[in-house]
Amino acid sequence: MATGRFEETVLPHLDAAFNYARWLTRNEAEAEDVVQDACVRALRFLTSLRDDNARPWLLAIVRSVCQTDVTRHGQHETVAQEGPPISQLLGALPPQLRETIFLRECSRMSYREIAEVTGVSSGAVMSRLAQARAMLSAAEREATM
């Protein structure tokens, strides 16, 4: 039954989906809406899940919902907040690099999983991570001078 498979494979990843959506939207209420839409899509397209590794599959849906929402409604409103220096350094990265490092370091995803979520090759993921780490290191050195 589809509902049972959904509960077993998708529901355990709701926290990761919400964290990713909140990070993408920078707004808790929007993140809740995104995850709800993503779950509806996930249930509808559950047959497209090729294996039982639903986490990258669900996060790719979350990303798609966010991109569709931005296209439809414009850029997500950014919540201005003072954060620790690392947040400021991450915020200065280009979006593709920031997303890749978030998925690797905060979500603990493998290169293959990140590639699946973002729709790029594993080589591109490794390249983006190297660029992001180099930029973070340079920014950190500059900030401590």
Foldseek 3Di string as FASTA:
>chain_A
DLVVLCVVQPVVQLVVQLVLLCVQQVDNVRSVVLSVVLSVVCSVVVVVPPDSNCNLVSLLSSVVSQVVCCVVPNHRDHDDDDDPVVVVLLVPDPPVLSSLCCCCPVVVDDLVSSCSSVVHDSVVSVVSPVVSVVSSVVVVVVVVD
